[in-house]
Amino acid sequence: MLAFAIIFITLALVFYSIGVWSEKIQGNLKKWHVVIFWCGLVFDTLGTTLMGRMANEAFRLNFHGVTGAVAIILMLFHAVWATKVILKNSPEEKRQFHKFSIVVWLVWLIPYISGMIFGMAG
């Protein structure tokens, strides 16, 4: 189960990074970015759920647990907002969206990195 959790969390990193940075570089939110954001969220949720099952608990009130919960909530908000922007089809909103994406990605990296550190520490 650990291998699957690691694979899912790593896929979340790959998908989310591709979505956020390609959107930033292209300077405009596109439909495929939204799909990639949702894929990142799904893989992160799957990986987090598996990690919780292995620890026999859903949530720990510690640095990693809190930052992880904040990151998933932000990812969900980000994906929903991206979906709304695409459906609304406002060129200005599409151009401005990437500013929030970078912040969400940076926040997401905190539990990703802390999970690796705490996992290796034991």
Protein backbone atom coordinates (compact mmCIF):
# COMPACT_ATOMS: atom_id res chain seq x y z
CA MET A 1 0.00 0.00 0.00
CA LEU A 2 2.91 2.35 0.72
CA ALA A 3 4.19 2.02 -2.84
CA PHE A 4 0.79 3.02 -4.25
CA ALA A 5 0.53 5.96 -1.86
CA ILE A 6 3.98 7.19 -2.92
CA ILE A 7 3.12 6.73 -6.59
CA PHE A 8 -0.17 8.63 -6.21
CA ILE A 9 1.42 11.51 -4.29
CA THR A 10 4.23 11.70 -6.86
CA LEU A 11 1.68 11.71 -9.70
CA ALA A 12 -0.08 14.57 -7.90
CA LEU A 13 3.21 16.49 -7.90
CA VAL A 14 3.77 15.77 -11.60
CA PHE A 15 0.25 16.67 -12.71
CA TYR A 16 -0.04 19.73 -10.52
CA SER A 17 3.39 21.03 -11.50
CA ILE A 18 2.68 20.54 -15.20
CA GLY A 19 -0.69 22.27 -14.90
CA VAL A 20 0.52 25.23 -12.85
CA TRP A 21 3.77 25.89 -14.69
CA SER A 22 2.42 25.37 -18.20
CA GLU A 23 -0.43 27.75 -17.37
CA LYS A 24 2.10 30.27 -16.03
CA ILE A 25 4.39 29.95 -19.07
CA GLN A 26 1.50 30.12 -21.55
CA GLY A 27 0.02 33.06 -19.64
CA ASN A 28 -3.55 31.91 -20.13
CA LEU A 29 -5.76 29.31 -18.45
CA LYS A 30 -6.87 26.60 -20.89
CA LYS A 31 -9.27 23.68 -20.61
CA TRP A 32 -6.50 21.10 -20.49
CA HIS A 33 -4.94 22.91 -17.50
CA VAL A 34 -8.21 22.48 -15.62
CA VAL A 35 -8.21 18.74 -16.39
CA ILE A 36 -4.64 18.49 -15.12
CA PHE A 37 -5.55 20.37 -11.90
CA TRP A 38 -8.38 17.91 -11.24
CA CYS A 39 -6.02 14.97 -11.93
CA GLY A 40 -3.52 16.39 -9.43
CA LEU A 41 -6.26 16.75 -6.82
CA VAL A 42 -7.52 13.20 -7.39
CA PHE A 43 -4.04 11.68 -7.11
CA ASP A 44 -3.24 13.75 -4.01
CA THR A 45 -6.49 12.68 -2.37
CA LEU A 46 -5.86 9.01 -3.23
CA GLY A 47 -2.30 9.14 -1.89
CA THR A 48 -3.34 10.98 1.25
CA THR A 49 -6.18 8.52 1.87
CA LEU A 50 -3.83 5.55 1.54
CA MET A 51 -1.29 7.15 3.87
CA GLY A 52 -4.06 7.75 6.42
CA ARG A 53 -5.19 4.13 6.20
CA MET A 54 -1.65 2.91 6.77
CA ALA A 55 -1.39 5.13 9.85
CA ASN A 56 -4.86 3.98 10.99
CA GLU A 57 -6.08 7.54 11.26
CA ALA A 58 -7.60 10.09 8.95
CA PHE A 59 -5.98 13.24 10.34
CA ARG A 60 -3.25 14.24 12.74
CA LEU A 61 -3.14 17.65 14.34
CA ASN A 62 0.52 18.32 13.57
CA PHE A 63 2.46 20.39 11.04
CA HIS A 64 2.15 17.85 8.23
CA GLY A 65 -1.51 17.11 8.93
CA VAL A 66 -2.56 20.75 9.05
CA THR A 67 -0.55 21.84 6.00
CA GLY A 68 -1.77 18.78 4.10
CA ALA A 69 -5.40 19.56 4.88
CA VAL A 70 -4.90 23.21 3.89
CA ALA A 71 -3.22 22.12 0.65
CA ILE A 72 -6.05 19.76 -0.34
CA ILE A 73 -8.67 22.41 0.45
CA LEU A 74 -6.73 24.96 -1.63
CA MET A 75 -6.35 22.47 -4.49
CA LEU A 76 -10.09 21.83 -4.46
CA PHE A 77 -10.85 25.56 -4.40
CA HIS A 78 -8.30 26.09 -7.18
CA ALA A 79 -9.78 23.37 -9.41
CA VAL A 80 -13.35 24.58 -8.85
CA TRP A 81 -12.36 28.19 -9.53
CA ALA A 82 -10.44 27.18 -12.67
CA THR A 83 -13.51 25.30 -13.88
CA LYS A 84 -15.69 28.38 -13.30
CA VAL A 85 -13.22 30.65 -15.11
CA ILE A 86 -13.16 28.32 -18.12
CA LEU A 87 -16.96 28.06 -18.18
CA LYS A 88 -17.33 31.84 -17.87
CA ASN A 89 -14.76 32.25 -20.67
CA SER A 90 -13.52 35.68 -19.56
CA PRO A 91 -10.20 36.43 -21.30
CA GLU A 92 -9.10 38.73 -18.46
CA GLU A 93 -9.86 36.15 -15.74
CA LYS A 94 -8.05 33.48 -17.76
CA ARG A 95 -4.95 35.72 -17.98
CA GLN A 96 -4.98 36.60 -14.27
CA PHE A 97 -5.71 33.13 -12.91
CA HIS A 98 -2.08 31.93 -12.88
CA LYS A 99 -1.16 34.29 -10.02
CA PHE A 100 -3.25 32.23 -7.61
CA SER A 101 -2.02 28.95 -9.11
CA ILE A 102 1.59 29.58 -8.10
CA VAL A 103 0.55 30.30 -4.50
CA VAL A 104 -1.48 27.08 -4.29
CA TRP A 105 1.39 25.08 -5.80
CA LEU A 106 3.88 26.54 -3.28
CA VAL A 107 1.54 25.80 -0.37
CA TRP A 108 1.07 22.26 -1.71
CA LEU A 109 4.84 21.71 -1.73
CA ILE A 110 5.02 22.24 2.04
CA PRO A 111 3.21 19.01 3.04
CA TYR A 112 4.77 17.16 0.11
CA ILE A 113 8.27 17.97 1.36
CA SER A 114 7.41 17.63 5.05
CA GLY A 115 5.85 14.23 4.33
CA MET A 116 9.10 13.04 2.76
CA ILE A 117 11.16 14.41 5.64
CA PHE A 118 8.92 13.01 8.38
CA GLY A 119 8.58 9.72 6.49
CA MET A 120 12.35 9.28 6.22
CA ALA A 121 12.87 10.35 9.83
CA GLY A 122 10.64 7.64 10.82
